[in-house]
PDB file of all heavy atoms in Angstrom:
ATOM      1  N   GLY A   1      83.066 127.922 102.802  1.00  0.00           N
ATOM      2  CA  GLY A   1      83.501 126.622 102.306  1.00  0.00           C
ATOM      3  C   GLY A   1      84.984 126.526 101.997  1.00  0.00           C
ATOM      4  O   GLY A   1      85.417 125.538 101.381  1.00  0.00           O
ATOM      5  N   LYS A   2      85.789 127.500 102.424  1.00  0.00           N
ATOM      6  CA  LYS A   2      87.222 127.500 102.168  1.00  0.00           C
ATOM      7  C   LYS A   2      87.993 127.068 103.418  1.00  0.00           C
ATOM      8  O   LYS A   2      87.770 127.597 104.511  1.00  0.00           O
ATOM      9  CB  LYS A   2      87.697 128.888 101.744  1.00  0.00           C
ATOM     10  CG  LYS A   2      87.100 129.384 100.426  1.00  0.00           C
ATOM     11  CD  LYS A   2      87.624 128.577  99.255  1.00  0.00           C
ATOM     12  CE  LYS A   2      87.106 129.146  97.933  1.00  0.00           C
ATOM     13  NZ  LYS A   2      87.579 128.340  96.772  1.00  0.00           N
ATOM     14  N   TYR A   3      88.900 126.127 103.220  1.00  0.00           N
ATOM     15  CA  TYR A   3      89.800 125.681 104.277  1.00  0.00           C
ATOM     16  C   TYR A   3      91.231 125.973 103.846  1.00  0.00           C
ATOM     17  O   TYR A   3      91.565 125.873 102.655  1.00  0.00           O
ATOM     18  CB  TYR A   3      89.619 124.183 104.542  1.00  0.00           C
ATOM     19  CG  TYR A   3      88.279 123.846 105.145  1.00  0.00           C
ATOM     20  CD1 TYR A   3      87.138 123.786 104.345  1.00  0.00           C
ATOM     21  CD2 TYR A   3      88.144 123.609 106.502  1.00  0.00           C
ATOM     22  CE1 TYR A   3      85.902 123.499 104.892  1.00  0.00           C
ATOM     23  CE2 TYR A   3      86.904 123.315 107.061  1.00  0.00           C
ATOM     24  CZ  TYR A   3      85.788 123.266 106.244  1.00  0.00           C
ATOM     25  OH  TYR A   3      84.553 122.983 106.802  1.00  0.00           O
ATOM     26  N   LYS A   4      92.063 126.305 104.806  1.00  0.00           N
ATOM     27  CA  LYS A   4      93.426 126.678 104.457  1.00  0.00           C
ATOM     28  C   LYS A   4      94.441 126.002 105.374  1.00  0.00           C
ATOM     29  O   LYS A   4      94.169 125.752 106.551  1.00  0.00           O
ATOM     30  CB  LYS A   4      93.602 128.196 104.501  1.00  0.00           C
ATOM     31  CG  LYS A   4      92.803 128.912 103.418  1.00  0.00           C
ATOM     32  CD  LYS A   4      93.025 130.402 103.418  1.00  0.00           C
ATOM     33  CE  LYS A   4      92.245 131.065 102.277  1.00  0.00           C
ATOM     34  NZ  LYS A   4      92.430 132.531 102.260  1.00  0.00           N
ATOM     35  N   VAL A   5      95.593 125.749 104.783  1.00  0.00           N
ATOM     36  CA  VAL A   5      96.756 125.237 105.508  1.00  0.00           C
ATOM     37  C   VAL A   5      97.923 126.142 105.156  1.00  0.00           C
ATOM     38  O   VAL A   5      98.135 126.455 103.970  1.00  0.00           O
ATOM     39  CB  VAL A   5      97.071 123.785 105.108  1.00  0.00           C
ATOM     40  CG1 VAL A   5      98.396 123.341 105.715  1.00  0.00           C
ATOM     41  CG2 VAL A   5      95.953 122.850 105.527  1.00  0.00           C
ATOM     42  N   ARG A   6      98.671 126.572 106.168  1.00  0.00           N
ATOM     43  CA  ARG A   6      99.787 127.480 105.931  1.00  0.00           C
ATOM     44  C   ARG A   6     101.095 126.879 106.429  1.00  0.00           C
ATOM     45  O   ARG A   6     101.136 126.196 107.459  1.00  0.00           O
ATOM     46  CB  ARG A   6      99.539 128.830 106.610  1.00  0.00           C
ATOM     47  CG  ARG A   6      98.446 129.628 105.918  1.00  0.00           C
ATOM     48  CD  ARG A   6      98.055 130.861 106.680  1.00  0.00           C
ATOM     49  NE  ARG A   6      97.076 131.659 105.921  1.00  0.00           N
ATOM     50  CZ  ARG A   6      96.301 132.584 106.444  1.00  0.00           C
ATOM     51  NH1 ARG A   6      96.362 132.846 107.754  1.00  0.00           N
ATOM     52  NH2 ARG A   6      95.457 133.264 105.683  1.00  0.00           N
ATOM     53  N   PHE A   7     102.149 127.190 105.697  1.00  0.00           N
ATOM     54  CA  PHE A   7     103.459 126.609 105.956  1.00  0.00           C
ATOM     55  C   PHE A   7     104.510 127.702 105.782  1.00  0.00           C
ATOM     56  O   PHE A   7     104.399 128.549 104.876  1.00  0.00           O
ATOM     57  CB  PHE A   7     103.703 125.460 104.969  1.00  0.00           C
ATOM     58  CG  PHE A   7     105.071 124.847 105.005  1.00  0.00           C
ATOM     59  CD1 PHE A   7     105.557 124.244 106.155  1.00  0.00           C
ATOM     60  CD2 PHE A   7     105.881 124.856 103.864  1.00  0.00           C
ATOM     61  CE1 PHE A   7     106.818 123.665 106.179  1.00  0.00           C
ATOM     62  CE2 PHE A   7     107.134 124.272 103.880  1.00  0.00           C
ATOM     63  CZ  PHE A   7     107.604 123.681 105.038  1.00  0.00           C
ATOM     64  N   LEU A   8     105.516 127.703 106.650  1.00  0.00           N
ATOM     65  CA  LEU A   8     106.613 128.669 106.557  1.00  0.00           C
ATOM     66  C   LEU A   8     107.898 127.923 106.220  1.00  0.00           C
ATOM     67  O   LEU A   8     108.535 127.338 107.102  1.00  0.00           O
ATOM     68  CB  LEU A   8     106.768 129.432 107.878  1.00  0.00           C
ATOM     69  CG  LEU A   8     107.824 130.541 107.886  1.00  0.00           C
ATOM     70  CD1 LEU A   8     107.470 131.636 106.874  1.00  0.00           C
ATOM     71  CD2 LEU A   8     107.963 131.140 109.287  1.00  0.00           C
ATOM     72  N   PRO A   9     108.297 127.895 104.962  1.00  0.00           N
ATOM     73  CA  PRO A   9     109.493 127.123 104.573  1.00  0.00           C
ATOM     74  C   PRO A   9     110.757 127.676 105.221  1.00  0.00           C
ATOM     75  O   PRO A   9     110.996 128.882 105.223  1.00  0.00           O
ATOM     76  CB  PRO A   9     109.550 127.296 103.049  1.00  0.00           C
ATOM     77  CG  PRO A   9     108.178 127.729 102.643  1.00  0.00           C
ATOM     78  CD  PRO A   9     107.648 128.520 103.797  1.00  0.00           C
ATOM     79  N   HIS A  10     111.559 126.760 105.750  1.00  0.00           N
ATOM     80  CA  HIS A  10     112.826 127.156 106.360  1.00  0.00           C
ATOM     81  C   HIS A  10     114.023 126.558 105.633  1.00  0.00           C
ATOM     82  O   HIS A  10     115.170 126.809 106.011  1.00  0.00           O
ATOM     83  CB  HIS A  10     112.850 126.737 107.831  1.00  0.00           C
ATOM     84  CG  HIS A  10     112.781 125.256 108.062  1.00  0.00           C
ATOM     85  ND1 HIS A  10     111.627 124.527 107.858  1.00  0.00           N
ATOM     86  CD2 HIS A  10     113.717 124.366 108.462  1.00  0.00           C
ATOM     87  CE1 HIS A  10     111.851 123.264 108.140  1.00  0.00           C
ATOM     88  NE2 HIS A  10     113.120 123.131 108.500  1.00  0.00           N
ATOM     89  N   VAL A  11     113.758 125.770 104.592  1.00  0.00           N
ATOM     90  CA  VAL A  11     114.811 125.156 103.785  1.00  0.00           C
ATOM     91  C   VAL A  11     114.349 125.186 102.326  1.00  0.00           C
ATOM     92  O   VAL A  11     113.182 124.907 102.038  1.00  0.00           O
ATOM     93  CB  VAL A  11     115.086 123.698 104.226  1.00  0.00           C
ATOM     94  CG1 VAL A  11     116.132 123.048 103.322  1.00  0.00           C
ATOM     95  CG2 VAL A  11     115.545 123.647 105.678  1.00  0.00           C
ATOM     96  N   THR A  12     115.256 125.525 101.420  1.00  0.00           N
ATOM     97  CA  THR A  12     114.906 125.509 100.000  1.00  0.00           C
ATOM     98  C   THR A  12     114.865 124.078  99.475  1.00  0.00           C
ATOM     99  O   THR A  12     115.302 123.137 100.135  1.00  0.00           O
ATOM    100  CB  THR A  12     115.935 126.318  99.189  1.00  0.00           C
ATOM    101  OG1 THR A  12     117.237 125.770  99.395  1.00  0.00           O
ATOM    102  CG2 THR A  12     115.928 127.775  99.594  1.00  0.00           C
ATOM    103  N   GLY A  13     114.327 123.927  98.271  1.00  0.00           N
ATOM    104  CA  GLY A  13     114.253 122.617  97.639  1.00  0.00           C
ATOM    105  C   GLY A  13     112.821 122.126  97.552  1.00  0.00           C
ATOM    106  O   GLY A  13     111.864 122.857  97.809  1.00  0.00           O
ATOM    107  N   THR A  14     112.672 120.861  97.198  1.00  0.00           N
ATOM    108  CA  THR A  14     111.356 120.274  96.999  1.00  0.00           C
ATOM    109  C   THR A  14     110.762 119.756  98.303  1.00  0.00           C
ATOM    110  O   THR A  14     111.425 119.032  99.054  1.00  0.00           O
ATOM    111  CB  THR A  14     111.428 119.120  95.984  1.00  0.00           C
ATOM    112  OG1 THR A  14     111.920 119.631  94.733  1.00  0.00           O
ATOM    113  CG2 THR A  14     110.062 118.494  95.764  1.00  0.00           C
ATOM    114  N   TRP A  15     109.522 120.139  98.560  1.00  0.00           N
ATOM    115  CA  TRP A  15     108.765 119.671  99.711  1.00  0.00           C
ATOM    116  C   TRP A  15     107.507 118.956  99.220  1.00  0.00           C
ATOM    117  O   TRP A  15     106.964 119.294  98.167  1.00  0.00           O
ATOM    118  CB  TRP A  15     108.338 120.847 100.596  1.00  0.00           C
ATOM    119  CG  TRP A  15     109.434 121.451 101.421  1.00  0.00           C
ATOM    120  CD1 TRP A  15     110.384 122.338 101.003  1.00  0.00           C
ATOM    121  CD2 TRP A  15     109.682 121.220 102.810  1.00  0.00           C
ATOM    122  NE1 TRP A  15     111.219 122.690 102.038  1.00  0.00           N
ATOM    123  CE2 TRP A  15     110.805 122.019 103.169  1.00  0.00           C
ATOM    124  CE3 TRP A  15     109.067 120.433 103.788  1.00  0.00           C
ATOM    125  CZ2 TRP A  15     111.317 122.025 104.457  1.00  0.00           C
ATOM    126  CZ3 TRP A  15     109.585 120.450 105.083  1.00  0.00           C
ATOM    127  CH2 TRP A  15     110.702 121.235 105.401  1.00  0.00           C
ATOM    128  N   THR A  16     107.060 117.986  99.991  1.00  0.00           N
ATOM    129  CA  THR A  16     105.773 117.337  99.723  1.00  0.00           C
ATOM    130  C   THR A  16     104.821 117.610 100.875  1.00  0.00           C
ATOM    131  O   THR A  16     105.246 117.982 101.976  1.00  0.00           O
ATOM    132  CB  THR A  16     105.928 115.817  99.555  1.00  0.00           C
ATOM    133  OG1 THR A  16     106.404 115.254 100.792  1.00  0.00           O
ATOM    134  CG2 THR A  16     106.918 115.489  98.430  1.00  0.00           C
ATOM    135  N   TYR A  17     103.532 117.440 100.627  1.00  0.00           N
ATOM    136  CA  TYR A  17     102.541 117.612 101.686  1.00  0.00           C
ATOM    137  C   TYR A  17     101.431 116.593 101.525  1.00  0.00           C
ATOM    138  O   TYR A  17     101.177 116.068 100.437  1.00  0.00           O
ATOM    139  CB  TYR A  17     101.964 119.024 101.680  1.00  0.00           C
ATOM    140  CG  TYR A  17     101.154 119.355 100.450  1.00  0.00           C
ATOM    141  CD1 TYR A  17      99.801 119.044 100.358  1.00  0.00           C
ATOM    142  CD2 TYR A  17     101.749 119.997  99.365  1.00  0.00           C
ATOM    143  CE1 TYR A  17      99.058 119.336  99.229  1.00  0.00           C
ATOM    144  CE2 TYR A  17     101.021 120.305  98.223  1.00  0.00           C
ATOM    145  CZ  TYR A  17      99.676 119.980  98.156  1.00  0.00           C
ATOM    146  OH  TYR A  17      98.950 120.268  97.030  1.00  0.00           O
ATOM    147  N   GLU A  18     100.786 116.308 102.638  1.00  0.00           N
ATOM    148  CA  GLU A  18      99.601 115.453 102.637  1.00  0.00           C
ATOM    149  C   GLU A  18      98.707 115.865 103.786  1.00  0.00           C
ATOM    150  O   GLU A  18      99.189 116.115 104.895  1.00  0.00           O
ATOM    151  CB  GLU A  18      99.969 113.974 102.752  1.00  0.00           C
ATOM    152  CG  GLU A  18      98.759 113.052 102.660  1.00  0.00           C
ATOM    153  CD  GLU A  18      99.137 111.588 102.640  1.00  0.00           C
ATOM    154  OE1 GLU A  18     100.339 111.280 102.809  1.00  0.00           O
ATOM    155  OE2 GLU A  18      98.238 110.739 102.462  1.00  0.00           O
ATOM    156  N   THR A  19      97.405 115.938 103.514  1.00  0.00           N
ATOM    157  CA  THR A  19      96.461 116.371 104.541  1.00  0.00           C
ATOM    158  C   THR A  19      95.826 115.184 105.244  1.00  0.00           C
ATOM    159  O   THR A  19      95.764 114.073 104.712  1.00  0.00           O
ATOM    160  CB  THR A  19      95.349 117.240 103.935  1.00  0.00           C
ATOM    161  OG1 THR A  19      94.579 116.439 103.037  1.00  0.00           O
ATOM    162  CG2 THR A  19      95.922 118.440 103.210  1.00  0.00           C
ATOM    163  N   ARG A  20      95.321 115.443 106.449  1.00  0.00           N
ATOM    164  CA  ARG A  20      94.503 114.488 107.194  1.00  0.00           C
ATOM    165  C   ARG A  20      93.275 115.235 107.701  1.00  0.00           C
ATOM    166  O   ARG A  20      93.392 116.358 108.198  1.00  0.00           O
ATOM    167  CB  ARG A  20      95.268 113.908 108.381  1.00  0.00           C
ATOM    168  CG  ARG A  20      96.411 112.975 108.009  1.00  0.00           C
ATOM    169  CD  ARG A  20      97.088 112.397 109.234  1.00  0.00           C
ATOM    170  NE  ARG A  20      97.755 113.420 110.030  1.00  0.00           N
ATOM    171  CZ  ARG A  20      97.342 113.872 111.199  1.00  0.00           C
ATOM    172  NH1 ARG A  20      96.218 113.380 111.743  1.00  0.00           N
ATOM    173  NH2 ARG A  20      98.008 114.799 111.852  1.00  0.00           N
ATOM    174  N   SER A  21      92.111 114.604 107.568  1.00  0.00           N
ATOM    175  CA  SER A  21      90.876 115.259 107.996  1.00  0.00           C
ATOM    176  C   SER A  21      89.810 114.211 108.270  1.00  0.00           C
ATOM    177  O   SER A  21      89.857 113.094 107.733  1.00  0.00           O
ATOM    178  CB  SER A  21      90.396 116.242 106.919  1.00  0.00           C
ATOM    179  OG  SER A  21      89.164 116.831 107.293  1.00  0.00           O
ATOM    180  N   ASN A  22      88.815 114.597 109.071  1.00  0.00           N
ATOM    181  CA  ASN A  22      87.650 113.740 109.288  1.00  0.00           C
ATOM    182  C   ASN A  22      86.592 113.928 108.206  1.00  0.00           C
ATOM    183  O   ASN A  22      85.536 113.310 108.255  1.00  0.00           O
ATOM    184  CB  ASN A  22      87.051 113.986 110.676  1.00  0.00           C
ATOM    185  CG  ASN A  22      86.570 115.423 110.847  1.00  0.00           C
ATOM    186  OD1 ASN A  22      86.918 116.309 110.072  1.00  0.00           O
ATOM    187  ND2 ASN A  22      85.778 115.656 111.888  1.00  0.00           N
ATOM    188  N   VAL A  23      86.905 114.790 107.234  1.00  0.00           N
ATOM    189  CA  VAL A  23      86.017 115.031 106.100  1.00  0.00           C
ATOM    190  C   VAL A  23      86.687 114.487 104.843  1.00  0.00           C
ATOM    191  O   VAL A  23      87.811 114.884 104.515  1.00  0.00           O
ATOM    192  CB  VAL A  23      85.736 116.542 105.937  1.00  0.00           C
ATOM    193  CG1 VAL A  23      84.954 116.818 104.656  1.00  0.00           C
ATOM    194  CG2 VAL A  23      84.987 117.068 107.151  1.00  0.00           C
ATOM    195  N   PRO A  24      86.060 113.569 104.134  1.00  0.00           N
ATOM    196  CA  PRO A  24      86.700 112.940 102.974  1.00  0.00           C
ATOM    197  C   PRO A  24      87.234 113.925 101.950  1.00  0.00           C
ATOM    198  O   PRO A  24      88.309 113.711 101.370  1.00  0.00           O
ATOM    199  CB  PRO A  24      85.587 112.069 102.391  1.00  0.00           C
ATOM    200  CG  PRO A  24      84.726 111.727 103.571  1.00  0.00           C
ATOM    201  CD  PRO A  24      84.749 112.951 104.426  1.00  0.00           C
ATOM    202  N   ALA A  25      86.508 115.027 101.699  1.00  0.00           N
ATOM    203  CA  ALA A  25      86.949 115.981 100.683  1.00  0.00           C
ATOM    204  C   ALA A  25      88.261 116.665 101.045  1.00  0.00           C
ATOM    205  O   ALA A  25      88.957 117.194 100.167  1.00  0.00           O
ATOM    206  CB  ALA A  25      85.863 117.035 100.454  1.00  0.00           C
TER     207      ALA A  25
END
């Protein structure tokens, strides 16, 4: 039941994220 998203930052500072999925949760 675990889903993961991975990101490799290439710039310092504040980043935001938002997911998209066909599953509401």
